[in-house]
């Protein structure tokens, strides 16, 4: 199996782009820094954020 290129891992953006008081996007739960760095992240870094960081962050904010 061929590893996907970083551009093949889609952004978790859902088009609701506004940072809350804690600095997280109300749509995708990424931090402003994660959003800014997304384009330069490796596939592994993106996958880690999507599969590990965002679910944990969302659960903690409930």
PDB file of N, CA and C in Angstrom:
ATOM      1  N   UNK A   1       0.850  -1.182   0.000  1.00  0.00           N
ATOM      2  CA  UNK A   1       0.000   0.000   0.000  1.00  0.00           C
ATOM      3  C   UNK A   1       0.893   1.243   0.000  1.00  0.00           C
ATOM      4  N   UNK A   2       0.552   2.197  -0.811  1.00  0.00           N
ATOM      5  CA  UNK A   2       1.312   3.437  -0.923  1.00  0.00           C
ATOM      6  C   UNK A   2       0.784   4.433   0.089  1.00  0.00           C
ATOM      7  N   UNK A   3       1.701   5.081   0.807  1.00  0.00           N
ATOM      8  CA  UNK A   3       1.283   6.110   1.755  1.00  0.00           C
ATOM      9  C   UNK A   3       0.753   7.311   1.001  1.00  0.00           C
ATOM     10  N   UNK A   4      -0.348   7.893   1.453  1.00  0.00           N
ATOM     11  CA  UNK A   4      -0.886   9.058   0.762  1.00  0.00           C
ATOM     12  C   UNK A   4       0.020  10.268   0.926  1.00  0.00           C
ATOM     13  N   UNK A   5       0.000  11.113  -0.062  1.00  0.00           N
ATOM     14  CA  UNK A   5       0.703  12.385   0.045  1.00  0.00           C
ATOM     15  C   UNK A   5      -0.040  13.263   1.034  1.00  0.00           C
ATOM     16  N   UNK A   6       0.648  14.217   1.687  1.00  0.00           N
ATOM     17  CA  UNK A   6      -0.037  15.080   2.664  1.00  0.00           C
ATOM     18  C   UNK A   6      -1.290  15.733   2.101  1.00  0.00           C
ATOM     19  N   UNK A   7      -1.279  16.101   0.836  1.00  0.00           N
ATOM     20  CA  UNK A   7      -2.442  16.780   0.259  1.00  0.00           C
ATOM     21  C   UNK A   7      -3.628  15.840   0.098  1.00  0.00           C
ATOM     22  N   UNK A   8      -3.397  14.516   0.182  1.00  0.00           N
ATOM     23  CA  UNK A   8      -4.486  13.562   0.028  1.00  0.00           C
ATOM     24  C   UNK A   8      -5.273  13.354   1.322  1.00  0.00           C
ATOM     25  N   UNK A   9      -4.761  13.871   2.422  1.00  0.00           N
ATOM     26  CA  UNK A   9      -5.502  13.802   3.685  1.00  0.00           C
ATOM     27  C   UNK A   9      -6.248  15.110   3.808  1.00  0.00           C
ATOM     28  N   UNK A  10      -7.546  15.011   3.694  1.00  0.00           N
ATOM     29  CA  UNK A  10      -8.360  16.212   3.672  1.00  0.00           C
ATOM     30  C   UNK A  10      -8.382  16.912   5.017  1.00  0.00           C
ATOM     31  N   UNK A  11      -8.663  18.158   4.957  1.00  0.00           N
ATOM     32  CA  UNK A  11      -8.810  18.976   6.150  1.00  0.00           C
ATOM     33  C   UNK A  11     -10.117  18.611   6.852  1.00  0.00           C
ATOM     34  N   UNK A  12     -10.146  18.687   8.176  1.00  0.00           N
ATOM     35  CA  UNK A  12     -11.393  18.454   8.898  1.00  0.00           C
ATOM     36  C   UNK A  12     -12.330  19.668   8.870  1.00  0.00           C
ATOM     37  N   UNK A  13     -11.937  20.697   8.133  1.00  0.00           N
ATOM     38  CA  UNK A  13     -12.738  21.918   8.053  1.00  0.00           C
ATOM     39  C   UNK A  13     -14.134  21.611   7.521  1.00  0.00           C
ATOM     40  N   UNK A  14     -15.147  22.182   8.186  1.00  0.00           N
ATOM     41  CA  UNK A  14     -16.529  22.016   7.730  1.00  0.00           C
ATOM     42  C   UNK A  14     -17.142  23.355   7.322  1.00  0.00           C
ATOM     43  N   UNK A  15     -16.295  24.359   7.178  1.00  0.00           N
ATOM     44  CA  UNK A  15     -16.757  25.652   6.692  1.00  0.00           C
ATOM     45  C   UNK A  15     -17.331  26.581   7.747  1.00  0.00           C
ATOM     46  N   UNK A  16     -17.228  26.222   9.002  1.00  0.00           N
ATOM     47  CA  UNK A  16     -17.653  27.107  10.090  1.00  0.00           C
ATOM     48  C   UNK A  16     -16.367  27.598  10.737  1.00  0.00           C
ATOM     49  N   UNK A  17     -15.793  28.622  10.170  1.00  0.00           N
ATOM     50  CA  UNK A  17     -14.434  29.044  10.525  1.00  0.00           C
ATOM     51  C   UNK A  17     -14.452  30.263  11.443  1.00  0.00           C
ATOM     52  N   UNK A  18     -14.448  29.969  12.743  1.00  0.00           N
ATOM     53  CA  UNK A  18     -14.420  31.030  13.742  1.00  0.00           C
ATOM     54  C   UNK A  18     -13.764  30.469  14.991  1.00  0.00           C
ATOM     55  N   UNK A  19     -12.773  31.157  15.514  1.00  0.00           N
ATOM     56  CA  UNK A  19     -12.113  30.704  16.725  1.00  0.00           C
ATOM     57  C   UNK A  19     -12.913  31.138  17.947  1.00  0.00           C
ATOM     58  N   UNK A  20     -13.049  30.235  18.901  1.00  0.00           N
ATOM     59  CA  UNK A  20     -13.751  30.566  20.138  1.00  0.00           C
ATOM     60  C   UNK A  20     -12.785  31.242  21.110  1.00  0.00           C
ATOM     61  N   UNK A  21     -13.249  31.505  22.300  1.00  0.00           N
ATOM     62  CA  UNK A  21     -12.443  32.210  23.297  1.00  0.00           C
ATOM     63  C   UNK A  21     -11.196  31.430  23.707  1.00  0.00           C
ATOM     64  N   UNK A  22     -11.219  30.109  23.533  1.00  0.00           N
ATOM     65  CA  UNK A  22     -10.068  29.275  23.870  1.00  0.00           C
ATOM     66  C   UNK A  22      -9.098  29.117  22.704  1.00  0.00           C
ATOM     67  N   UNK A  23      -9.430  29.685  21.548  1.00  0.00           N
ATOM     68  CA  UNK A  23      -8.544  29.611  20.385  1.00  0.00           C
ATOM     69  C   UNK A  23      -8.762  28.400  19.501  1.00  0.00           C
ATOM     70  N   UNK A  24      -9.910  27.727  19.668  1.00  0.00           N
ATOM     71  CA  UNK A  24     -10.233  26.572  18.836  1.00  0.00           C
ATOM     72  C   UNK A  24     -11.352  26.920  17.870  1.00  0.00           C
ATOM     73  N   UNK A  25     -11.263  26.371  16.669  1.00  0.00           N
ATOM     74  CA  UNK A  25     -12.295  26.612  15.660  1.00  0.00           C
ATOM     75  C   UNK A  25     -13.594  25.947  16.114  1.00  0.00           C
ATOM     76  N   UNK A  26     -14.688  26.678  16.029  1.00  0.00           N
ATOM     77  CA  UNK A  26     -15.973  26.120  16.445  1.00  0.00           C
ATOM     78  C   UNK A  26     -16.454  25.054  15.465  1.00  0.00           C
ATOM     79  N   UNK A  27     -15.921  25.027  14.260  1.00  0.00           N
ATOM     80  CA  UNK A  27     -16.321  24.031  13.272  1.00  0.00           C
ATOM     81  C   UNK A  27     -15.532  22.742  13.346  1.00  0.00           C
ATOM     82  N   UNK A  28     -14.210  22.849  13.312  1.00  0.00           N
ATOM     83  CA  UNK A  28     -13.375  21.642  13.220  1.00  0.00           C
ATOM     84  C   UNK A  28     -12.593  21.330  14.494  1.00  0.00           C
ATOM     85  N   UNK A  29     -12.608  22.205  15.467  1.00  0.00           N
ATOM     86  CA  UNK A  29     -11.937  22.027  16.759  1.00  0.00           C
ATOM     87  C   UNK A  29     -10.415  22.137  16.693  1.00  0.00           C
ATOM     88  N   UNK A  30      -9.854  22.526  15.530  1.00  0.00           N
ATOM     89  CA  UNK A  30      -8.405  22.721  15.472  1.00  0.00           C
ATOM     90  C   UNK A  30      -8.059  24.072  16.088  1.00  0.00           C
ATOM     91  N   UNK A  31      -6.842  24.156  16.596  1.00  0.00           N
ATOM     92  CA  UNK A  31      -6.357  25.435  17.115  1.00  0.00           C
ATOM     93  C   UNK A  31      -5.973  26.325  15.933  1.00  0.00           C
ATOM     94  N   UNK A  32      -5.852  27.605  16.185  1.00  0.00           N
ATOM     95  CA  UNK A  32      -5.402  28.516  15.139  1.00  0.00           C
ATOM     96  C   UNK A  32      -4.051  28.106  14.594  1.00  0.00           C
ATOM     97  N   UNK A  33      -3.174  27.643  15.473  1.00  0.00           N
ATOM     98  CA  UNK A  33      -1.841  27.198  15.042  1.00  0.00           C
ATOM     99  C   UNK A  33      -1.941  25.961  14.153  1.00  0.00           C
ATOM    100  N   UNK A  34      -2.778  25.005  14.529  1.00  0.00           N
ATOM    101  CA  UNK A  34      -2.946  23.794  13.713  1.00  0.00           C
ATOM    102  C   UNK A  34      -3.491  24.139  12.341  1.00  0.00           C
ATOM    103  N   UNK A  35      -4.417  25.076  12.275  1.00  0.00           N
ATOM    104  CA  UNK A  35      -4.977  25.503  10.992  1.00  0.00           C
ATOM    105  C   UNK A  35      -3.888  26.135  10.134  1.00  0.00           C
ATOM    106  N   UNK A  36      -3.097  27.018  10.737  1.00  0.00           N
ATOM    107  CA  UNK A  36      -2.049  27.713   9.992  1.00  0.00           C
ATOM    108  C   UNK A  36      -0.976  26.759   9.485  1.00  0.00           C
ATOM    109  N   UNK A  37      -0.653  25.736  10.272  1.00  0.00           N
ATOM    110  CA  UNK A  37       0.419  24.815   9.908  1.00  0.00           C
ATOM    111  C   UNK A  37      -0.037  23.639   9.048  1.00  0.00           C
ATOM    112  N   UNK A  38      -1.344  23.467   8.885  1.00  0.00           N
ATOM    113  CA  UNK A  38      -1.920  22.295   8.218  1.00  0.00           C
ATOM    114  C   UNK A  38      -1.288  22.025   6.855  1.00  0.00           C
ATOM    115  N   UNK A  39      -1.151  23.017   6.030  1.00  0.00           N
ATOM    116  CA  UNK A  39      -0.657  22.837   4.666  1.00  0.00           C
ATOM    117  C   UNK A  39       0.751  22.249   4.637  1.00  0.00           C
ATOM    118  N   UNK A  40       1.555  22.522   5.646  1.00  0.00           N
ATOM    119  CA  UNK A  40       2.922  22.033   5.678  1.00  0.00           C
ATOM    120  C   UNK A  40       3.119  20.759   6.482  1.00  0.00           C
ATOM    121  N   UNK A  41       2.033  20.225   7.058  1.00  0.00           N
ATOM    122  CA  UNK A  41       2.151  19.018   7.877  1.00  0.00           C
ATOM    123  C   UNK A  41       2.291  17.775   7.011  1.00  0.00           C
ATOM    124  N   UNK A  42       2.969  16.795   7.562  1.00  0.00           N
ATOM    125  CA  UNK A  42       3.082  15.497   6.880  1.00  0.00           C
ATOM    126  C   UNK A  42       1.747  14.763   7.024  1.00  0.00           C
ATOM    127  N   UNK A  43       1.594  13.714   6.242  1.00  0.00           N
ATOM    128  CA  UNK A  43       0.384  12.898   6.335  1.00  0.00           C
ATOM    129  C   UNK A  43       0.237  12.315   7.735  1.00  0.00           C
ATOM    130  N   UNK A  44       1.356  11.901   8.336  1.00  0.00           N
ATOM    131  CA  UNK A  44       1.304  11.330   9.683  1.00  0.00           C
ATOM    132  C   UNK A  44       0.861  12.367  10.704  1.00  0.00           C
ATOM    133  N   UNK A  45       1.336  13.593  10.567  1.00  0.00           N
ATOM    134  CA  UNK A  45       0.935  14.660  11.493  1.00  0.00           C
ATOM    135  C   UNK A  45      -0.551  14.966  11.344  1.00  0.00           C
ATOM    136  N   UNK A  46      -1.014  15.036  10.120  1.00  0.00           N
ATOM    137  CA  UNK A  46      -2.446  15.305   9.884  1.00  0.00           C
ATOM    138  C   UNK A  46      -3.303  14.177  10.437  1.00  0.00           C
ATOM    139  N   UNK A  47      -2.896  12.946  10.162  1.00  0.00           N
ATOM    140  CA  UNK A  47      -3.648  11.791  10.638  1.00  0.00           C
ATOM    141  C   UNK A  47      -3.714  11.788  12.170  1.00  0.00           C
ATOM    142  N   UNK A  48      -2.601  12.119  12.818  1.00  0.00           N
ATOM    143  CA  UNK A  48      -2.571  12.174  14.292  1.00  0.00           C
ATOM    144  C   UNK A  48      -3.588  13.196  14.808  1.00  0.00           C
ATOM    145  N   UNK A  49      -3.630  14.347  14.194  1.00  0.00           N
ATOM    146  CA  UNK A  49      -4.575  15.378  14.644  1.00  0.00           C
ATOM    147  C   UNK A  49      -6.007  14.906  14.436  1.00  0.00           C
ATOM    148  N   UNK A  50      -6.301  14.369  13.259  1.00  0.00           N
ATOM    149  CA  UNK A  50      -7.667  13.942  12.950  1.00  0.00           C
ATOM    150  C   UNK A  50      -8.108  12.761  13.811  1.00  0.00           C
ATOM    151  N   UNK A  51      -7.230  11.778  13.988  1.00  0.00           N
ATOM    152  CA  UNK A  51      -7.622  10.542  14.674  1.00  0.00           C
ATOM    153  C   UNK A  51      -7.441  10.581  16.187  1.00  0.00           C
ATOM    154  N   UNK A  52      -6.512  11.390  16.670  1.00  0.00           N
ATOM    155  CA  UNK A  52      -6.211  11.387  18.105  1.00  0.00           C
ATOM    156  C   UNK A  52      -6.558  12.701  18.802  1.00  0.00           C
ATOM    157  N   UNK A  53      -6.011  13.800  18.290  1.00  0.00           N
ATOM    158  CA  UNK A  53      -6.145  15.091  18.970  1.00  0.00           C
ATOM    159  C   UNK A  53      -7.582  15.610  18.945  1.00  0.00           C
ATOM    160  N   UNK A  54      -8.184  15.665  17.776  1.00  0.00           N
ATOM    161  CA  UNK A  54      -9.522  16.260  17.684  1.00  0.00           C
ATOM    162  C   UNK A  54     -10.580  15.479  18.462  1.00  0.00           C
ATOM    163  N   UNK A  55     -10.608  14.147  18.394  1.00  0.00           N
ATOM    164  CA  UNK A  55     -11.604  13.429  19.215  1.00  0.00           C
ATOM    165  C   UNK A  55     -11.411  13.662  20.715  1.00  0.00           C
ATOM    166  N   UNK A  56     -10.157  13.690  21.172  1.00  0.00           N
ATOM    167  CA  UNK A  56      -9.904  13.948  22.587  1.00  0.00           C
ATOM    168  C   UNK A  56     -10.333  15.353  22.969  1.00  0.00           C
ATOM    169  N   UNK A  57     -10.030  16.298  22.108  1.00  0.00           N
ATOM    170  CA  UNK A  57     -10.378  17.693  22.373  1.00  0.00           C
ATOM    171  C   UNK A  57     -11.889  17.852  22.427  1.00  0.00           C
ATOM    172  N   UNK A  58     -12.591  17.248  21.481  1.00  0.00           N
ATOM    173  CA  UNK A  58     -14.046  17.353  21.451  1.00  0.00           C
ATOM    174  C   UNK A  58     -14.664  16.723  22.699  1.00  0.00           C
ATOM    175  N   UNK A  59     -14.161  15.578  23.115  1.00  0.00           N
ATOM    176  CA  UNK A  59     -14.680  14.906  24.308  1.00  0.00           C
ATOM    177  C   UNK A  59     -14.445  15.744  25.557  1.00  0.00           C
ATOM    178  N   UNK A  60     -13.313  16.394  25.635  1.00  0.00           N
ATOM    179  CA  UNK A  60     -12.989  17.213  26.809  1.00  0.00           C
ATOM    180  C   UNK A  60     -13.843  18.468  26.875  1.00  0.00           C
ATOM    181  N   UNK A  61     -14.332  18.934  25.757  1.00  0.00           N
ATOM    182  CA  UNK A  61     -15.101  20.179  25.714  1.00  0.00           C
ATOM    183  C   UNK A  61     -16.587  19.951  25.955  1.00  0.00           C
ATOM    184  N   UNK A  62     -17.017  18.724  26.091  1.00  0.00           N
ATOM    185  CA  UNK A  62     -18.454  18.427  26.316  1.00  0.00           C
ATOM    186  C   UNK A  62     -18.843  18.683  27.736  1.00  0.00           C
TER     187      UNK A  62
END
